Protein backbone atom coordinates (compact mmCIF):
# COMPACT_ATOMS: atom_id res chain seq x y z
CA MET A 1 -40.01 16.56 -15.79
CA THR A 2 -37.69 14.77 -13.36
CA THR A 3 -34.21 12.55 -14.35
CA VAL A 4 -34.86 9.51 -12.74
CA LEU A 5 -30.76 8.01 -12.32
CA ASP A 6 -29.49 4.45 -12.55
CA ALA A 7 -28.03 4.02 -9.16
CA SER A 8 -26.05 -0.03 -8.66
CA VAL A 9 -24.57 -1.39 -5.39
CA LEU A 10 -21.86 -3.32 -4.37
CA LYS A 11 -22.48 -5.41 -1.24
CA LEU A 12 -18.65 -4.89 0.60
CA SER A 13 -17.84 -7.81 2.87
CA LEU A 14 -14.56 -8.40 5.37
CA HIS A 15 -14.08 -12.37 6.08
CA ASN A 16 -17.52 -13.26 5.89
CA ALA A 17 -18.92 -10.11 7.32
CA THR A 18 -21.24 -7.77 5.66
CA VAL A 19 -19.14 -4.11 6.51
CA GLY A 20 -21.93 -2.00 4.35
CA TYR A 21 -23.42 -1.64 0.42
CA LEU A 22 -21.70 1.16 -2.16
CA THR A 23 -23.90 2.24 -4.12
CA GLY A 24 -22.27 4.55 -7.09
CA PHE A 25 -25.35 6.79 -9.07
CA GLN A 26 -25.45 7.87 -12.81
CA ASP A 27 -24.13 11.46 -11.87
CA GLY A 28 -20.95 10.31 -10.17
CA ARG A 29 -21.91 10.29 -7.21
CA ASN A 30 -20.79 7.25 -4.44
CA VAL A 31 -22.37 6.61 -1.18
CA LEU A 32 -21.20 4.07 1.40
CA HIS A 33 -23.63 2.89 4.31
CA PHE A 34 -22.82 0.70 6.98
CA ALA A 35 -24.64 -1.89 7.41
CA PRO A 36 -26.45 -2.12 11.05
CA GLU A 37 -25.68 -5.38 11.92
CA PHE A 38 -22.03 -4.39 11.69
CA ILE A 39 -22.36 -1.09 13.20
CA ALA A 40 -23.36 -3.01 16.46
CA ASP A 41 -21.14 -5.92 16.19
CA ASN A 42 -18.21 -5.33 18.62
CA SER A 43 -16.69 -7.77 17.99
CA ARG A 44 -16.08 -7.29 13.63
CA PRO A 45 -13.84 -7.56 12.20
CA THR A 46 -11.45 -4.17 11.13
CA PHE A 47 -11.81 -2.63 8.24
CA THR A 48 -9.86 0.13 8.08
CA LEU A 49 -8.53 1.77 12.53
CA ILE A 50 -11.22 4.79 12.36
CA THR A 51 -14.06 1.82 12.71
CA HIS A 52 -12.10 0.29 15.29
CA PRO A 53 -15.15 -0.75 18.47
CA THR A 54 -11.97 1.51 20.17
CA PHE A 55 -11.14 3.83 18.11
CA PRO A 56 -12.73 8.10 18.80
CA HIS A 57 -15.66 9.16 17.91
CA VAL A 58 -16.10 5.69 15.83
CA ASN A 59 -20.46 5.63 16.37
CA LYS A 60 -20.71 8.22 14.14
CA VAL A 61 -18.05 7.66 11.34
CA LEU A 62 -19.79 4.24 11.44
CA ARG A 63 -23.46 5.97 11.22
CA THR A 64 -22.85 8.80 9.12
CA PRO A 65 -22.90 7.63 5.08
CA TRP A 66 -19.63 8.11 3.48
CA ALA A 67 -20.78 10.19 0.30
CA ARG A 68 -18.10 11.10 -2.45
CA ARG A 69 -18.36 12.10 -6.36
CA GLN A 70 -16.19 10.22 -8.50
CA ARG A 71 -13.54 9.21 -6.61
CA LEU A 72 -14.31 6.88 -3.75
CA HIS A 73 -13.81 7.64 -0.48
CA PRO A 74 -9.76 7.18 0.54
CA VAL A 75 -10.19 4.55 2.61
CA LEU A 76 -11.66 2.45 -1.01
CA SER A 77 -9.87 4.66 -3.40
CA ASN A 78 -6.31 3.58 -1.83
CA LEU A 79 -7.58 -0.06 -3.16
CA LEU A 80 -6.97 0.89 -6.57
CA PRO A 81 -4.33 1.29 -8.54
CA GLU A 82 -2.93 4.16 -9.87
CA GLY A 83 -0.63 5.47 -12.94
CA ALA A 84 -0.36 2.63 -15.66
CA LEU A 85 -2.27 0.12 -14.49
CA ARG A 86 -5.47 2.20 -13.85
CA GLU A 87 -4.89 3.49 -17.33
CA LEU A 88 -4.37 0.31 -19.17
CA LEU A 89 -7.72 -1.00 -17.17
CA ALA A 90 -9.83 2.33 -17.77
CA GLN A 91 -8.76 2.37 -21.69
CA MET A 92 -9.49 -1.58 -21.44
CA LEU A 93 -13.03 -0.77 -19.50
CA LYS A 94 -14.28 1.85 -22.23
CA ILE A 95 -14.54 4.32 -18.58
CA HIS A 96 -12.81 7.80 -17.23
CA ILE A 97 -9.82 7.65 -15.07
CA ASP A 98 -11.36 8.68 -12.49
CA ASN A 99 -14.55 6.75 -12.68
CA GLU A 100 -13.94 4.99 -9.57
CA PHE A 101 -17.17 3.21 -8.61
CA LYS A 102 -16.47 1.55 -11.80
CA LEU A 103 -13.41 0.66 -11.75
CA PHE A 104 -13.98 -0.68 -8.01
CA THR A 105 -16.83 -3.06 -9.73
CA TYR A 106 -14.24 -4.61 -11.76
CA LEU A 107 -12.08 -5.22 -9.51
CA GLY A 108 -13.48 -5.84 -6.15
CA GLN A 109 -13.25 -9.43 -5.97
CA ASP A 110 -9.51 -8.96 -6.03
CA LEU A 111 -8.44 -6.24 -4.38
CA PRO A 112 -5.25 -5.40 -1.47
CA GLY A 113 -6.35 -7.10 2.06
CA ALA A 114 -9.67 -8.66 2.71
CA VAL A 115 -12.48 -6.09 1.61
CA ILE A 116 -14.70 -7.96 -1.14
CA ALA A 117 -17.27 -5.69 -3.44
CA THR A 118 -20.02 -8.07 -4.66
CA PRO A 119 -22.37 -6.79 -7.17
CA LEU A 120 -26.39 -6.74 -5.90
CA ASP A 121 -29.26 -7.91 -8.07
CA PRO A 122 -32.16 -4.96 -7.35
CA GLY A 123 -34.10 -7.75 -4.99
CA GLU A 124 -30.64 -8.63 -3.59
CA ILE A 125 -30.32 -4.53 -1.90
CA PRO A 126 -31.49 -3.81 1.67
CA SER A 127 -34.71 -1.65 1.76
CA TYR A 128 -32.84 0.47 3.69
CA VAL A 129 -30.43 1.17 1.06
CA LEU A 130 -33.26 1.39 -2.02
CA ASN A 131 -35.20 4.44 0.85
CA ALA A 132 -31.14 6.00 0.43
CA ILE A 133 -31.49 5.77 -3.21
CA GLY A 134 -34.61 7.80 -3.80
CA ASN A 135 -35.89 8.04 -6.74
CA ALA A 136 -33.39 6.56 -8.79
CA ARG A 137 -34.14 3.38 -10.68
CA ALA A 138 -31.66 0.42 -8.80
CA ILE A 139 -29.71 -1.54 -12.00
CA LYS A 140 -27.49 -4.71 -11.59
CA PRO A 141 -23.91 -3.18 -12.19
CA ALA A 142 -22.31 -4.31 -15.40
CA VAL A 143 -19.30 -6.49 -14.70
CA GLN A 144 -17.34 -7.05 -17.96
CA ASP A 145 -16.25 -11.03 -18.44
CA GLN A 146 -12.40 -10.77 -17.53
CA THR A 147 -10.37 -13.79 -16.65
CA ASN A 148 -8.08 -11.72 -14.96
CA ARG A 149 -8.75 -9.13 -12.61
CA PHE A 150 -7.06 -8.38 -9.71
CA SER A 151 -6.08 -4.23 -7.64
CA LEU A 152 -2.59 -3.50 -6.59
CA ALA A 153 -2.27 0.00 -5.22
CA GLY A 154 0.67 1.99 -6.67
CA ILE A 155 2.31 3.71 -10.03
CA GLN A 156 4.48 1.23 -10.99
CA MET A 157 3.41 -1.52 -13.71
CA LYS A 158 2.65 -4.64 -11.02
CA PHE A 159 0.54 -7.59 -11.57
CA SER A 160 -0.68 -10.06 -9.20
CA MET A 161 0.43 -13.87 -10.55
CA ARG A 162 0.85 -17.39 -9.01
CA GLU A 163 4.14 -18.98 -9.23
CA LYS A 164 4.48 -22.59 -10.26
CA GLU A 165 6.91 -24.97 -11.34
CA GLY A 166 9.50 -22.35 -11.80
CA ARG A 167 6.40 -20.01 -14.01
CA TYR A 168 3.97 -17.32 -12.85
CA GLN A 169 1.06 -16.80 -14.23
CA ILE A 170 -1.32 -13.73 -14.03
CA ALA A 171 -4.08 -15.10 -11.04
CA LYS A 172 -7.01 -15.94 -12.98
CA SER A 173 -10.02 -14.34 -11.50
CA GLY A 174 -11.39 -15.77 -8.17
CA ASP A 175 -7.66 -17.50 -8.10
CA LEU A 176 -5.77 -15.62 -6.22
CA GLY A 177 -2.38 -14.43 -6.70
CA ASP A 178 0.46 -15.19 -4.20
CA TRP A 179 3.64 -12.72 -5.78
CA ILE A 180 3.36 -9.14 -7.01
CA VAL A 181 5.46 -9.62 -10.06
CA LYS A 182 7.27 -5.52 -11.17
CA THR A 183 7.98 -5.81 -14.19
CA PRO A 184 11.01 -3.13 -15.33
CA SER A 185 10.35 0.21 -16.26
CA THR A 186 10.51 1.32 -19.39
CA LYS A 187 11.44 5.04 -18.25
CA HIS A 188 14.80 4.15 -15.53
CA ALA A 189 16.87 1.54 -16.20
CA ASN A 190 17.04 -1.33 -13.73
CA VAL A 191 14.81 -0.36 -11.29
CA PRO A 192 14.48 -4.52 -10.49
CA LEU A 193 17.40 -4.77 -10.04
CA ASN A 194 17.98 -1.48 -7.69
CA GLU A 195 15.30 -2.58 -5.80
CA TYR A 196 16.57 -6.02 -5.03
CA THR A 197 19.14 -4.93 -3.32
CA ALA A 198 18.34 -2.51 -1.31
CA MET A 199 16.01 -4.53 0.28
CA ARG A 200 18.34 -7.30 0.68
CA LEU A 201 20.25 -4.24 2.40
CA ALA A 202 17.67 -3.59 4.08
CA GLU A 203 17.31 -7.24 5.60
CA LEU A 204 20.31 -6.52 6.77
CA ALA A 205 20.34 -4.06 8.79
CA GLY A 206 17.58 -5.47 10.96
CA ILE A 207 14.28 -5.15 8.42
CA ASP A 208 11.70 -7.47 8.50
CA ILE A 209 10.82 -7.92 4.60
CA PRO A 210 8.99 -10.48 2.43
CA ASP A 211 10.23 -13.34 0.59
CA ILE A 212 12.08 -11.62 -3.02
CA ARG A 213 13.21 -12.75 -6.60
CA LEU A 214 14.20 -11.39 -9.64
CA VAL A 215 12.63 -13.47 -11.89
CA GLU A 216 13.73 -13.35 -15.59
CA ILE A 217 11.15 -11.79 -17.82
CA GLU A 218 10.51 -15.36 -19.95
CA LYS A 219 8.98 -17.23 -17.16
CA LEU A 220 6.47 -14.39 -16.63
CA GLY A 221 3.21 -15.67 -18.49
CA ALA A 222 0.65 -13.85 -21.03
CA LEU A 223 1.35 -10.75 -19.73
CA PRO A 224 -0.87 -8.38 -21.45
CA PRO A 225 0.89 -5.71 -23.94
CA ILE A 226 2.66 -2.95 -22.76
CA ASN A 227 5.74 -2.33 -23.55
CA LEU A 228 8.95 -3.39 -22.18
CA PRO A 229 12.46 -2.34 -21.80
CA ASN A 230 15.16 -4.58 -22.90
CA GLU A 231 16.18 -6.24 -19.53
CA GLN A 232 16.29 -9.55 -17.87
CA PHE A 233 14.86 -9.51 -14.98
CA ALA A 234 11.18 -8.34 -12.71
CA PHE A 235 11.38 -8.06 -9.46
CA ALA A 236 8.72 -10.56 -7.04
CA ILE A 237 7.90 -9.92 -3.69
CA ARG A 238 5.70 -12.93 -2.11
CA ARG A 239 2.16 -10.97 -0.52
CA PHE A 240 1.95 -10.74 2.71
CA ASP A 241 -1.90 -10.44 2.15
CA ARG A 242 -2.01 -13.34 0.66
CA HIS A 243 -1.86 -17.20 2.69
CA ASN A 244 -2.60 -20.52 1.48
CA SER A 245 -5.44 -19.03 -1.13
CA GLN A 246 -6.97 -16.93 2.13
CA ARG A 247 -6.89 -13.01 2.18
CA ILE A 248 -5.30 -11.96 5.01
CA HIS A 249 -6.51 -7.89 5.97
CA MET A 250 -4.23 -4.76 5.01
CA GLU A 251 -4.37 -0.93 4.94
CA ASP A 252 -2.12 1.57 4.39
CA PHE A 253 -1.43 4.61 5.99
CA ALA A 254 -3.18 6.92 3.35
CA GLN A 255 -6.34 5.27 4.52
CA ILE A 256 -5.71 5.47 7.95
CA LEU A 257 -5.61 8.46 7.69
CA VAL A 258 -7.98 8.85 5.34
CA LYS A 259 -5.95 11.10 2.51
CA TYR A 260 -5.93 10.44 -1.39
CA PRO A 261 -3.45 8.69 -2.57
CA HIS A 262 -2.56 12.30 -4.34
CA GLU A 263 -1.80 14.15 -0.56
CA LYS A 264 0.69 10.67 0.27
CA TYR A 265 4.09 12.86 0.43
CA ASP A 266 2.89 16.22 1.89
CA SER A 267 -0.41 15.97 4.34
CA ALA A 268 1.14 13.20 7.38
CA ASN A 269 4.39 13.04 8.89
CA ALA A 270 6.55 9.98 10.74
CA GLU A 271 4.92 10.96 13.78
CA GLN A 272 1.84 10.74 12.93
CA ILE A 273 2.25 7.04 11.84
CA GLY A 274 4.67 6.34 15.29
CA LYS A 275 1.76 7.91 17.24
CA VAL A 276 -0.56 5.70 15.47
CA LEU A 277 1.59 2.74 15.69
CA TYR A 278 2.48 2.94 19.68
CA GLN A 279 -1.44 3.70 20.55
CA TYR A 280 -3.19 1.35 18.14
CA THR A 281 -1.69 -1.81 17.68
CA GLY A 282 -1.22 -4.92 19.23
CA ASP A 283 2.52 -4.96 19.42
CA PRO A 284 3.32 -1.43 19.98
CA LEU A 285 6.77 -1.17 21.31
CA ALA A 286 8.35 -3.48 18.59
CA ASN A 287 6.59 -1.77 15.93
CA VAL A 288 7.76 1.65 16.41
CA GLN A 289 11.34 0.22 16.97
CA GLN A 290 11.06 -1.54 13.93
CA PHE A 291 9.59 1.76 12.18
CA ALA A 292 12.21 3.97 13.21
CA ARG A 293 14.97 1.05 11.92
CA ARG A 294 12.98 2.00 8.64
CA LEU A 295 13.13 5.24 9.07
CA LEU A 296 16.84 5.12 9.08
CA VAL A 297 17.24 2.69 6.33
CA ASN A 298 15.13 4.88 4.61
CA ILE A 299 17.94 7.95 5.19
CA LEU A 300 20.98 4.97 4.40
CA LEU A 301 19.76 4.25 0.92
CA ALA A 302 18.54 7.20 -0.34
CA ASN A 303 15.05 6.20 -0.31
CA GLY A 304 12.96 9.22 -1.23
CA ASP A 305 9.84 7.29 -1.94
CA ALA A 306 8.80 6.15 1.41
CA HIS A 307 5.01 8.10 1.57
CA LEU A 308 1.94 6.97 3.05
CA LYS A 309 1.08 4.40 0.64
CA ASN A 310 4.52 2.63 1.28
CA TRP A 311 4.01 2.30 4.98
CA SER A 312 0.85 -0.37 5.88
CA VAL A 313 -0.44 -2.38 9.68
CA ILE A 314 -1.67 -5.88 8.89
CA TYR A 315 -4.66 -7.90 11.00
CA PRO A 316 -3.63 -11.04 11.53
CA ASP A 317 -6.32 -11.31 13.80
CA LYS A 318 -8.95 -9.67 11.64
CA SER A 319 -8.91 -7.06 14.68
CA THR A 320 -5.48 -5.82 16.22
CA PRO A 321 -3.18 -4.24 13.36
CA GLU A 322 0.02 -4.87 13.68
CA LEU A 323 3.34 -3.14 11.08
CA SER A 324 3.54 -4.64 8.36
CA PRO A 325 6.82 -6.64 6.34
CA ALA A 326 9.00 -3.66 4.95
CA TYR A 327 8.12 -3.14 0.28
CA ASP A 328 9.04 -0.43 -2.11
CA ILE A 329 12.44 0.37 -0.58
CA LEU A 330 14.77 1.54 -3.05
CA THR A 331 17.25 3.49 -3.96
CA THR A 332 15.72 7.00 -5.77
CA LYS A 333 18.55 9.15 -5.88
CA THR A 334 19.90 6.92 -8.18
CA TYR A 335 17.12 8.18 -10.36
CA ILE A 336 16.74 11.87 -9.18
CA ALA A 337 19.28 13.97 -9.82
CA GLY A 338 20.30 16.42 -6.72
CA GLU A 339 17.45 14.16 -4.54
CA ARG A 340 18.00 14.70 -1.06
CA LEU A 341 15.15 14.31 0.33
CA LEU A 342 12.78 11.72 2.67
CA ALA A 343 9.04 10.99 1.52
CA LEU A 344 7.77 12.26 4.94
CA ASN A 345 8.97 14.86 7.87
CA LEU A 346 10.87 13.44 10.09
CA GLY A 347 11.27 15.18 13.85
CA ASN A 348 11.81 18.74 12.66
CA ASN A 349 13.38 17.54 9.38
CA LYS A 350 12.95 16.39 5.65
CA ASP A 351 16.88 16.38 4.25
CA TRP A 352 18.89 13.35 4.69
CA TYR A 353 22.20 14.90 4.65
CA LYS A 354 21.09 16.82 7.40
CA ALA A 355 19.43 14.38 9.50
CA ASN A 356 21.09 12.78 12.12
CA LEU A 357 19.94 11.13 15.86
CA GLY A 358 18.61 14.03 16.97
CA ASP A 359 15.67 14.29 14.44
CA PHE A 360 15.08 10.70 15.82
CA LYS A 361 14.62 11.82 19.52
CA THR A 362 12.87 15.09 18.53
CA TRP A 363 10.42 12.70 16.06
CA SER A 364 10.22 10.24 19.28
CA GLU A 365 9.56 13.24 21.62
CA LYS A 366 6.71 14.65 19.70
CA ALA A 367 5.09 10.94 19.03
CA ASP A 368 4.88 10.20 22.63
CA ILE A 369 7.33 7.03 22.31
CA PRO A 370 10.36 6.90 24.93
CA TRP A 371 13.51 7.44 23.43
CA ARG A 372 15.16 5.18 25.47
CA ALA A 373 12.94 2.27 23.44
CA ILE A 374 14.08 3.10 20.13
CA LYS A 375 18.06 4.52 20.05
CA PRO A 376 19.80 1.00 20.69
CA HIS A 377 17.75 0.14 17.16
CA LEU A 378 19.03 2.93 15.56
CA ASN A 379 22.73 2.22 17.04
CA ASP A 380 21.74 -1.80 16.40
CA THR A 381 20.74 -0.50 12.40
CA LEU A 382 23.58 1.57 11.65
CA ASP A 383 26.50 -1.09 13.28
CA LYS A 384 24.48 -3.72 10.94
CA ALA A 385 24.67 -1.24 7.78
CA ARG A 386 28.87 -0.34 8.87
CA THR A 387 29.40 -4.21 9.29
CA LEU A 388 28.02 -5.57 6.51
CA TRP A 389 27.00 -3.18 3.80
CA THR A 390 30.15 -2.71 2.30
CA SER A 391 31.11 -6.09 1.04
CA ALA A 392 27.37 -7.57 0.80
CA LEU A 393 27.04 -4.41 -2.42
CA THR A 394 29.80 -6.27 -4.18
CA ASP A 395 27.86 -9.03 -4.44
CA LEU A 396 24.46 -7.92 -5.30
CA PRO A 397 23.23 -7.54 -8.83
CA MET A 398 22.19 -3.44 -8.28
CA GLN A 399 23.80 -0.97 -11.65
CA HIS A 400 27.40 -0.75 -11.08
CA ASN A 401 26.77 3.62 -11.31
CA HIS A 402 24.04 2.68 -8.86
CA LYS A 403 26.36 1.56 -6.86
CA GLU A 404 29.02 4.44 -6.60
CA GLN A 405 25.99 6.74 -6.21
CA LEU A 406 25.28 4.61 -3.62
CA GLU A 407 28.26 4.73 -1.61
CA ALA A 408 29.15 8.27 -3.03
CA HIS A 409 25.75 8.92 -0.38
CA TRP A 410 27.34 6.99 2.34
CA ARG A 411 30.14 9.27 2.63
CA ALA A 412 28.13 12.74 1.86
CA LEU A 413 25.96 11.83 4.78
CA SER A 414 26.23 13.68 8.55
CA THR A 415 28.22 11.74 10.63
CA ASP A 416 26.22 10.44 12.94
CA PHE A 417 25.07 8.03 10.05
CA ARG A 418 28.10 8.03 7.83
CA ILE A 419 29.50 4.44 6.47
CA GLU A 420 32.93 4.19 4.85
C-alpha cells in the first residue's frame, strides 16, 4: 500500500510579483518552482542575483526546480535565524531546529529583505504545482497565531523592533520593525559597547554605516524569557531593508554564492565578493572602493568575523544590486585569545599581522579591479584611522581592557597598517 504524504505550499512574492511556489512535504523534502510569469518577465524584481536576467545560465536556474531535504535551498535558508533565536523559535513551535520549511512558514511575513511567504489553501495552488506534487495530499500549512513573528539572520540573539518616544517594542505581526536590537551576551562581556565603538571608528575611517545607538535594557519592552547578563545597554542598528514601513530587498553573499550558513567562513574569499560587486552592481567602482575600505578596517579593528553573511547587497530600484551599509563590525580579538585571522582570504593571506598593501594589490588583480582605483581609498582610510582613532577611542564606551587590547593590536600590525 502506497503511503500518501501531506504537502503544504507557500507562495513566494516580491514587490507584488509572484516569484514561485515552495512545497514542503511531510517527509522533509521541499521544492521551489518558479512561476512561469516570473520567468518570462525580463523586468522582474531581482529575487537573488543568480535570477537576474543578465546572470549566466539564468534560464536554467529558473526552469530547474530547487529541491532540498530538511534544509531549504541556500537562498531561502539564509533568511532564517541561526543559534539561540532559532532554538527559541523551534522550542516554541515544537519542531526540530532543522525543519526549515516550518520555520519559514511561521516567519514568512517578516523575512530579511522583501520576500514574503504566504500559506495557500489547496484550492489556491496552481495546477502545475499540484501536478508536480504527484499523489501527495495538499493541505494548508498550519501557522501558529503568534503576535510577534520576524526573522533575522545570524547567531546572536536579536530582535526586530519599533521605536516610539525612546522605547523599543518587538514588531508585531504585519507591523515591520525599523531597528535591529541586539541584547547583551551571556557568554561575552559588553558586546554592545564593543560593537558600538568599532562601528563608530569604522565610520570615522570612511565606512558607510546605518544609524546606531546604545539603548538601555529597561527601554526594551516585552522581551521573551531569555537570559540576560547584568549589563546596562543593548546595541541598536537601524534596518536598511526597511524605510517608511516599506520593504527594501537585500541578500547576503552566502545567498549570492549559494552557500549554507555553516559554509560562511571557508567556501569563498574576498576576491569572489569583489568580482560580483565590480561586475554586477549599479555603481561598481564606488562599491569595490567601499568594500576595500571595509576589508582594511576589519584588519585595523581586529574583526575576525566578516564572513559571507556579514556582507550584503541591497536592491534600491528592485532590480540592481548595490553594496549595503556596513554591519556586524566589532573587535572579536578581545573575546578570542590569540585570534589573528580574517574570516575570508584576502589575496593570498588571512593573517592580519602579516597583511600589507601587497595583499590588497593581489586581491584587486585577482578580482580584475584596477589597483589605481583602490590604493587611494586605502591610503585615505589609513590617514583617517591614524589621525582620528586614538583620540576618539578615549571617549567611546568600549570597556577599558578591550581598548588596551585594540591599541596593542594597532602596534602589532605591519608597518603598512600600524597605528601608533
